[in-house]
PDB file of N, CA and C in Angstrom:
ATOM      1  N   MET A   1       0.293   2.837   5.175  1.00  0.00           N
ATOM      2  CA  MET A   1      -0.435   1.592   5.095  1.00  0.00           C
ATOM      3  C   MET A   1      -1.930   1.837   4.888  1.00  0.00           C
ATOM      4  N   ALA A   2      -2.435   2.922   5.380  1.00  0.00           N
ATOM      5  CA  ALA A   2      -3.846   3.233   5.204  1.00  0.00           C
ATOM      6  C   ALA A   2      -4.199   3.345   3.722  1.00  0.00           C
ATOM      7  N   ASP A   3      -3.288   3.917   2.914  1.00  0.00           N
ATOM      8  CA  ASP A   3      -3.541   4.031   1.481  1.00  0.00           C
ATOM      9  C   ASP A   3      -3.663   2.652   0.839  1.00  0.00           C
ATOM     10  N   ALA A   4      -2.803   1.722   1.251  1.00  0.00           N
ATOM     11  CA  ALA A   4      -2.853   0.370   0.698  1.00  0.00           C
ATOM     12  C   ALA A   4      -4.166  -0.302   1.074  1.00  0.00           C
ATOM     13  N   ASP A   5      -4.613  -0.126   2.304  1.00  0.00           N
ATOM     14  CA  ASP A   5      -5.875  -0.724   2.736  1.00  0.00           C
ATOM     15  C   ASP A   5      -7.040  -0.147   1.939  1.00  0.00           C
ATOM     16  N   PHE A   6      -7.033   1.151   1.731  1.00  0.00           N
ATOM     17  CA  PHE A   6      -8.091   1.794   0.952  1.00  0.00           C
ATOM     18  C   PHE A   6      -8.068   1.265  -0.474  1.00  0.00           C
ATOM     19  N   SER A   7      -6.894   1.164  -1.032  1.00  0.00           N
ATOM     20  CA  SER A   7      -6.758   0.681  -2.399  1.00  0.00           C
ATOM     21  C   SER A   7      -7.241  -0.765  -2.506  1.00  0.00           C
ATOM     22  N   ASP A   8      -6.852  -1.618  -1.553  1.00  0.00           N
ATOM     23  CA  ASP A   8      -7.290  -3.009  -1.559  1.00  0.00           C
ATOM     24  C   ASP A   8      -8.807  -3.099  -1.431  1.00  0.00           C
ATOM     25  N   THR A   9      -9.369  -2.277  -0.567  1.00  0.00           N
ATOM     26  CA  THR A   9     -10.818  -2.270  -0.382  1.00  0.00           C
ATOM     27  C   THR A   9     -11.520  -1.813  -1.653  1.00  0.00           C
ATOM     28  N   THR A  10     -10.982  -0.807  -2.295  1.00  0.00           N
ATOM     29  CA  THR A  10     -11.565  -0.303  -3.537  1.00  0.00           C
ATOM     30  C   THR A  10     -11.533  -1.381  -4.621  1.00  0.00           C
ATOM     31  N   ILE A  11     -10.419  -2.062  -4.723  1.00  0.00           N
ATOM     32  CA  ILE A  11     -10.281  -3.133  -5.717  1.00  0.00           C
ATOM     33  C   ILE A  11     -11.246  -4.270  -5.411  1.00  0.00           C
ATOM     34  N   GLN A  12     -11.348  -4.643  -4.142  1.00  0.00           N
ATOM     35  CA  GLN A  12     -12.261  -5.720  -3.759  1.00  0.00           C
ATOM     36  C   GLN A  12     -13.714  -5.341  -4.045  1.00  0.00           C
ATOM     37  N   THR A  13     -14.067  -4.103  -3.782  1.00  0.00           N
ATOM     38  CA  THR A  13     -15.427  -3.639  -4.051  1.00  0.00           C
ATOM     39  C   THR A  13     -15.711  -3.663  -5.540  1.00  0.00           C
ATOM     40  N   ARG A  14     -14.757  -3.182  -6.330  1.00  0.00           N
ATOM     41  CA  ARG A  14     -14.918  -3.199  -7.790  1.00  0.00           C
ATOM     42  C   ARG A  14     -15.046  -4.622  -8.309  1.00  0.00           C
ATOM     43  N   ASP A  15     -14.171  -5.507  -7.827  1.00  0.00           N
ATOM     44  CA  ASP A  15     -14.198  -6.895  -8.280  1.00  0.00           C
ATOM     45  C   ASP A  15     -15.491  -7.592  -7.875  1.00  0.00           C
ATOM     46  N   ALA A  16     -15.974  -7.319  -6.671  1.00  0.00           N
ATOM     47  CA  ALA A  16     -17.225  -7.926  -6.211  1.00  0.00           C
ATOM     48  C   ALA A  16     -18.388  -7.491  -7.098  1.00  0.00           C
ATOM     49  N   ALA A  17     -18.434  -6.212  -7.444  1.00  0.00           N
ATOM     50  CA  ALA A  17     -19.500  -5.711  -8.321  1.00  0.00           C
ATOM     51  C   ALA A  17     -19.385  -6.333  -9.709  1.00  0.00           C
ATOM     52  N   LEU A  18     -18.167  -6.437 -10.221  1.00  0.00           N
ATOM     53  CA  LEU A  18     -17.939  -7.060 -11.525  1.00  0.00           C
ATOM     54  C   LEU A  18     -18.408  -8.504 -11.510  1.00  0.00           C
ATOM     55  N   LEU A  19     -18.033  -9.250 -10.481  1.00  0.00           N
ATOM     56  CA  LEU A  19     -18.434 -10.651 -10.387  1.00  0.00           C
ATOM     57  C   LEU A  19     -19.952 -10.789 -10.284  1.00  0.00           C
ATOM     58  N   GLN A  20     -20.561  -9.969  -9.455  1.00  0.00           N
ATOM     59  CA  GLN A  20     -22.005 -10.041  -9.283  1.00  0.00           C
ATOM     60  C   GLN A  20     -22.724  -9.761 -10.607  1.00  0.00           C
ATOM     61  N   ASP A  21     -22.346  -8.720 -11.296  1.00  0.00           N
ATOM     62  CA  ASP A  21     -22.976  -8.381 -12.579  1.00  0.00           C
ATOM     63  C   ASP A  21     -22.745  -9.475 -13.620  1.00  0.00           C
ATOM     64  N   THR A  22     -21.525  -9.986 -13.658  1.00  0.00           N
ATOM     65  CA  THR A  22     -21.170 -10.989 -14.659  1.00  0.00           C
ATOM     66  C   THR A  22     -21.890 -12.309 -14.399  1.00  0.00           C
ATOM     67  N   VAL A  23     -21.964 -12.707 -13.148  1.00  0.00           N
ATOM     68  CA  VAL A  23     -22.655 -13.960 -12.814  1.00  0.00           C
ATOM     69  C   VAL A  23     -24.148 -13.839 -13.112  1.00  0.00           C
ATOM     70  N   ARG A  24     -24.718 -12.682 -12.852  1.00  0.00           N
ATOM     71  CA  ARG A  24     -26.134 -12.493 -13.192  1.00  0.00           C
ATOM     72  C   ARG A  24     -26.351 -12.583 -14.701  1.00  0.00           C
ATOM     73  N   GLU A  25     -25.455 -11.978 -15.463  1.00  0.00           N
ATOM     74  CA  GLU A  25     -25.562 -12.039 -16.924  1.00  0.00           C
ATOM     75  C   GLU A  25     -25.398 -13.468 -17.420  1.00  0.00           C
ATOM     76  N   ALA A  26     -24.439 -14.187 -16.860  1.00  0.00           N
ATOM     77  CA  ALA A  26     -24.212 -15.578 -17.250  1.00  0.00           C
ATOM     78  C   ALA A  26     -25.411 -16.442 -16.867  1.00  0.00           C
ATOM     79  N   GLY A  27     -25.999 -16.182 -15.707  1.00  0.00           N
ATOM     80  CA  GLY A  27     -27.180 -16.922 -15.293  1.00  0.00           C
ATOM     81  C   GLY A  27     -28.353 -16.677 -16.226  1.00  0.00           C
ATOM     82  N   ALA A  28     -28.531 -15.436 -16.639  1.00  0.00           N
ATOM     83  CA  ALA A  28     -29.610 -15.108 -17.583  1.00  0.00           C
ATOM     84  C   ALA A  28     -29.389 -15.818 -18.913  1.00  0.00           C
ATOM     85  N   LEU A  29     -28.143 -15.868 -19.360  1.00  0.00           N
ATOM     86  CA  LEU A  29     -27.830 -16.572 -20.605  1.00  0.00           C
ATOM     87  C   LEU A  29     -28.148 -18.055 -20.460  1.00  0.00           C
ATOM     88  N   ALA A  30     -27.691 -18.660 -19.374  1.00  0.00           N
ATOM     89  CA  ALA A  30     -27.949 -20.089 -19.154  1.00  0.00           C
ATOM     90  C   ALA A  30     -29.452 -20.355 -19.080  1.00  0.00           C
ATOM     91  N   GLN A  31     -30.167 -19.503 -18.372  1.00  0.00           N
ATOM     92  CA  GLN A  31     -31.605 -19.685 -18.236  1.00  0.00           C
ATOM     93  C   GLN A  31     -32.318 -19.551 -19.589  1.00  0.00           C
ATOM     94  N   SER A  32     -31.829 -18.653 -20.439  1.00  0.00           N
ATOM     95  CA  SER A  32     -32.451 -18.479 -21.756  1.00  0.00           C
ATOM     96  C   SER A  32     -32.260 -19.710 -22.641  1.00  0.00           C
ATOM     97  N   MET A  33     -31.273 -20.526 -22.320  1.00  0.00           N
ATOM     98  CA  MET A  33     -30.996 -21.726 -23.113  1.00  0.00           C
ATOM     99  C   MET A  33     -31.636 -22.974 -22.507  1.00  0.00           C
ATOM    100  N   PHE A  34     -32.222 -22.841 -21.322  1.00  0.00           N
ATOM    101  CA  PHE A  34     -32.836 -23.964 -20.624  1.00  0.00           C
ATOM    102  C   PHE A  34     -34.022 -24.495 -21.427  1.00  0.00           C
ATOM    103  N   ARG A  35     -34.104 -25.806 -21.539  1.00  0.00           N
ATOM    104  CA  ARG A  35     -35.183 -26.488 -22.253  1.00  0.00           C
ATOM    105  C   ARG A  35     -35.240 -26.134 -23.739  1.00  0.00           C
ATOM    106  N   THR A  36     -34.087 -25.848 -24.313  1.00  0.00           N
ATOM    107  CA  THR A  36     -34.003 -25.643 -25.754  1.00  0.00           C
ATOM    108  C   THR A  36     -33.187 -26.793 -26.350  1.00  0.00           C
ATOM    109  N   GLU A  37     -33.220 -26.911 -27.628  1.00  0.00           N
ATOM    110  CA  GLU A  37     -32.423 -27.939 -28.305  1.00  0.00           C
ATOM    111  C   GLU A  37     -30.971 -27.472 -28.337  1.00  0.00           C
ATOM    112  N   LEU A  38     -30.127 -28.210 -27.666  1.00  0.00           N
ATOM    113  CA  LEU A  38     -28.706 -27.856 -27.598  1.00  0.00           C
ATOM    114  C   LEU A  38     -27.869 -29.001 -28.140  1.00  0.00           C
ATOM    115  N   LYS A  39     -26.771 -28.650 -28.769  1.00  0.00           N
ATOM    116  CA  LYS A  39     -25.796 -29.664 -29.120  1.00  0.00           C
ATOM    117  C   LYS A  39     -25.140 -30.112 -27.822  1.00  0.00           C
ATOM    118  N   LYS A  40     -24.943 -31.422 -27.703  1.00  0.00           N
ATOM    119  CA  LYS A  40     -24.327 -31.985 -26.501  1.00  0.00           C
ATOM    120  C   LYS A  40     -23.296 -33.022 -26.928  1.00  0.00           C
ATOM    121  N   TRP A  41     -22.278 -33.186 -26.122  1.00  0.00           N
ATOM    122  CA  TRP A  41     -21.278 -34.207 -26.381  1.00  0.00           C
ATOM    123  C   TRP A  41     -20.623 -34.591 -25.066  1.00  0.00           C
ATOM    124  N   ILE A  42     -19.825 -35.629 -25.129  1.00  0.00           N
ATOM    125  CA  ILE A  42     -19.107 -36.103 -23.952  1.00  0.00           C
ATOM    126  C   ILE A  42     -17.641 -35.752 -24.124  1.00  0.00           C
ATOM    127  N   LYS A  43     -17.094 -35.087 -23.111  1.00  0.00           N
ATOM    128  CA  LYS A  43     -15.675 -34.722 -23.115  1.00  0.00           C
ATOM    129  C   LYS A  43     -14.956 -35.744 -22.245  1.00  0.00           C
ATOM    130  N   GLY A  44     -13.926 -36.321 -22.797  1.00  0.00           N
ATOM    131  CA  GLY A  44     -13.218 -37.349 -22.040  1.00  0.00           C
ATOM    132  C   GLY A  44     -14.078 -38.595 -21.925  1.00  0.00           C
ATOM    133  N   ALA A  45     -13.947 -39.280 -20.815  1.00  0.00           N
ATOM    134  CA  ALA A  45     -14.654 -40.540 -20.634  1.00  0.00           C
ATOM    135  C   ALA A  45     -16.123 -40.360 -20.263  1.00  0.00           C
ATOM    136  N   SER A  46     -16.431 -39.355 -19.439  1.00  0.00           N
ATOM    137  CA  SER A  46     -17.815 -39.258 -18.973  1.00  0.00           C
ATOM    138  C   SER A  46     -18.213 -37.863 -18.504  1.00  0.00           C
ATOM    139  N   SER A  47     -17.712 -36.838 -19.152  1.00  0.00           N
ATOM    140  CA  SER A  47     -18.010 -35.466 -18.746  1.00  0.00           C
ATOM    141  C   SER A  47     -18.898 -34.795 -19.796  1.00  0.00           C
ATOM    142  N   PRO A  48     -20.209 -34.661 -19.511  1.00  0.00           N
ATOM    143  CA  PRO A  48     -21.102 -34.053 -20.497  1.00  0.00           C
ATOM    144  C   PRO A  48     -20.850 -32.551 -20.656  1.00  0.00           C
ATOM    145  N   VAL A  49     -20.962 -32.088 -21.888  1.00  0.00           N
ATOM    146  CA  VAL A  49     -20.779 -30.676 -22.227  1.00  0.00           C
ATOM    147  C   VAL A  49     -21.892 -30.295 -23.202  1.00  0.00           C
ATOM    148  N   SER A  50     -22.393 -29.075 -23.070  1.00  0.00           N
ATOM    149  CA  SER A  50     -23.416 -28.606 -24.005  1.00  0.00           C
ATOM    150  C   SER A  50     -23.029 -27.231 -24.537  1.00  0.00           C
ATOM    151  N   GLU A  51     -23.786 -26.812 -25.546  1.00  0.00           N
ATOM    152  CA  GLU A  51     -23.585 -25.458 -26.079  1.00  0.00           C
ATOM    153  C   GLU A  51     -23.762 -24.408 -24.987  1.00  0.00           C
ATOM    154  N   ALA A  52     -24.661 -24.653 -24.055  1.00  0.00           N
ATOM    155  CA  ALA A  52     -24.885 -23.699 -22.962  1.00  0.00           C
ATOM    156  C   ALA A  52     -23.635 -23.572 -22.100  1.00  0.00           C
ATOM    157  N   ASP A  53     -22.985 -24.691 -21.805  1.00  0.00           N
ATOM    158  CA  ASP A  53     -21.744 -24.651 -21.022  1.00  0.00           C
ATOM    159  C   ASP A  53     -20.699 -23.771 -21.691  1.00  0.00           C
ATOM    160  N   ILE A  54     -20.536 -23.975 -22.983  1.00  0.00           N
ATOM    161  CA  ILE A  54     -19.533 -23.217 -23.740  1.00  0.00           C
ATOM    162  C   ILE A  54     -19.919 -21.740 -23.812  1.00  0.00           C
ATOM    163  N   ALA A  55     -21.186 -21.461 -24.047  1.00  0.00           N
ATOM    164  CA  ALA A  55     -21.642 -20.066 -24.154  1.00  0.00           C
ATOM    165  C   ALA A  55     -21.440 -19.315 -22.839  1.00  0.00           C
ATOM    166  N   VAL A  56     -21.782 -19.952 -21.734  1.00  0.00           N
ATOM    167  CA  VAL A  56     -21.609 -19.311 -20.426  1.00  0.00           C
ATOM    168  C   VAL A  56     -20.124 -19.108 -20.133  1.00  0.00           C
ATOM    169  N   ASN A  57     -19.316 -20.105 -20.402  1.00  0.00           N
ATOM    170  CA  ASN A  57     -17.877 -19.969 -20.192  1.00  0.00           C
ATOM    171  C   ASN A  57     -17.303 -18.828 -21.023  1.00  0.00           C
ATOM    172  N   ASP A  58     -17.703 -18.747 -22.279  1.00  0.00           N
ATOM    173  CA  ASP A  58     -17.194 -17.693 -23.160  1.00  0.00           C
ATOM    174  C   ASP A  58     -17.591 -16.307 -22.660  1.00  0.00           C
ATOM    175  N   LEU A  59     -18.840 -16.187 -22.193  1.00  0.00           N
ATOM    176  CA  LEU A  59     -19.297 -14.906 -21.652  1.00  0.00           C
ATOM    177  C   LEU A  59     -18.487 -14.526 -20.407  1.00  0.00           C
ATOM    178  N   LEU A  60     -18.344 -15.470 -19.488  1.00  0.00           N
ATOM    179  CA  LEU A  60     -17.577 -15.201 -18.266  1.00  0.00           C
ATOM    180  C   LEU A  60     -16.149 -14.778 -18.597  1.00  0.00           C
ATOM    181  N   GLU A  61     -15.519 -15.508 -19.481  1.00  0.00           N
ATOM    182  CA  GLU A  61     -14.143 -15.180 -19.836  1.00  0.00           C
ATOM    183  C   GLU A  61     -14.042 -13.801 -20.484  1.00  0.00           C
ATOM    184  N   ALA A  62     -14.921 -13.512 -21.417  1.00  0.00           N
ATOM    185  CA  ALA A  62     -14.870 -12.217 -22.111  1.00  0.00           C
ATOM    186  C   ALA A  62     -15.065 -11.060 -21.135  1.00  0.00           C
ATOM    187  N   ARG A  63     -16.073 -11.164 -20.264  1.00  0.00           N
ATOM    188  CA  ARG A  63     -16.351 -10.067 -19.331  1.00  0.00           C
ATOM    189  C   ARG A  63     -15.238  -9.903 -18.296  1.00  0.00           C
ATOM    190  N   LEU A  64     -14.835 -11.016 -17.698  1.00  0.00           N
ATOM    191  CA  LEU A  64     -13.858 -10.936 -16.608  1.00  0.00           C
ATOM    192  C   LEU A  64     -12.457 -10.603 -17.112  1.00  0.00           C
ATOM    193  N   ARG A  65     -12.035 -11.228 -18.188  1.00  0.00           N
ATOM    194  CA  ARG A  65     -10.702 -10.915 -18.728  1.00  0.00           C
ATOM    195  C   ARG A  65     -10.667  -9.526 -19.336  1.00  0.00           C
ATOM    196  N   GLY A  66     -11.786  -9.103 -19.935  1.00  0.00           N
ATOM    197  CA  GLY A  66     -11.846  -7.761 -20.506  1.00  0.00           C
ATOM    198  C   GLY A  66     -11.723  -6.682 -19.446  1.00  0.00           C
ATOM    199  N   ALA A  67     -12.325  -6.928 -18.295  1.00  0.00           N
ATOM    200  CA  ALA A  67     -12.307  -5.937 -17.213  1.00  0.00           C
ATOM    201  C   ALA A  67     -11.055  -6.022 -16.356  1.00  0.00           C
ATOM    202  N   THR A  68     -10.426  -7.187 -16.324  1.00  0.00           N
ATOM    203  CA  THR A  68      -9.253  -7.393 -15.468  1.00  0.00           C
ATOM    204  C   THR A  68      -8.162  -8.146 -16.236  1.00  0.00           C
ATOM    205  N   PRO A  69      -7.587  -7.518 -17.247  1.00  0.00           N
ATOM    206  CA  PRO A  69      -6.636  -8.234 -18.111  1.00  0.00           C
ATOM    207  C   PRO A  69      -5.360  -8.705 -17.392  1.00  0.00           C
ATOM    208  N   ASP A  70      -5.062  -8.134 -16.244  1.00  0.00           N
ATOM    209  CA  ASP A  70      -3.870  -8.560 -15.510  1.00  0.00           C
ATOM    210  C   ASP A  70      -4.125  -9.772 -14.622  1.00  0.00           C
ATOM    211  N   TYR A  71      -5.372 -10.170 -14.486  1.00  0.00           N
ATOM    212  CA  TYR A  71      -5.722 -11.344 -13.680  1.00  0.00           C
ATOM    213  C   TYR A  71      -5.526 -12.585 -14.547  1.00  0.00           C
ATOM    214  N   GLY A  72      -5.365 -13.719 -13.941  1.00  0.00           N
ATOM    215  CA  GLY A  72      -5.260 -14.966 -14.677  1.00  0.00           C
ATOM    216  C   GLY A  72      -6.630 -15.507 -15.044  1.00  0.00           C
ATOM    217  N   TRP A  73      -6.643 -16.524 -15.873  1.00  0.00           N
ATOM    218  CA  TRP A  73      -7.898 -17.187 -16.225  1.00  0.00           C
ATOM    219  C   TRP A  73      -7.638 -18.661 -16.387  1.00  0.00           C
ATOM    220  N   LEU A  74      -8.429 -19.471 -15.724  1.00  0.00           N
ATOM    221  CA  LEU A  74      -8.352 -20.912 -15.855  1.00  0.00           C
ATOM    222  C   LEU A  74      -9.771 -21.417 -16.033  1.00  0.00           C
ATOM    223  N   SER A  75      -9.984 -22.164 -17.077  1.00  0.00           N
ATOM    224  CA  SER A  75     -11.312 -22.682 -17.352  1.00  0.00           C
ATOM    225  C   SER A  75     -11.205 -24.155 -17.689  1.00  0.00           C
ATOM    226  N   GLU A  76     -12.255 -24.876 -17.359  1.00  0.00           N
ATOM    227  CA  GLU A  76     -12.233 -26.317 -17.603  1.00  0.00           C
ATOM    228  C   GLU A  76     -12.261 -26.619 -19.084  1.00  0.00           C
TER     229      GLU A  76
END
């Protein structure tokens, strides 16, 4: 059981580092698009979406799915 605990801890540490790096990268991307001219539209009845939303989502998906292809992905 000790091996399983070590393995779980290693995976959690790796995933935490991946998430931290990816969220920082996504934040930098979003910040670089702040106060710029963006295409915007309404999804559904009243859900605003912009190019920044799509760009950040695409970055998150590419980084996270690329690093963890066996994990699932659900995006709005």
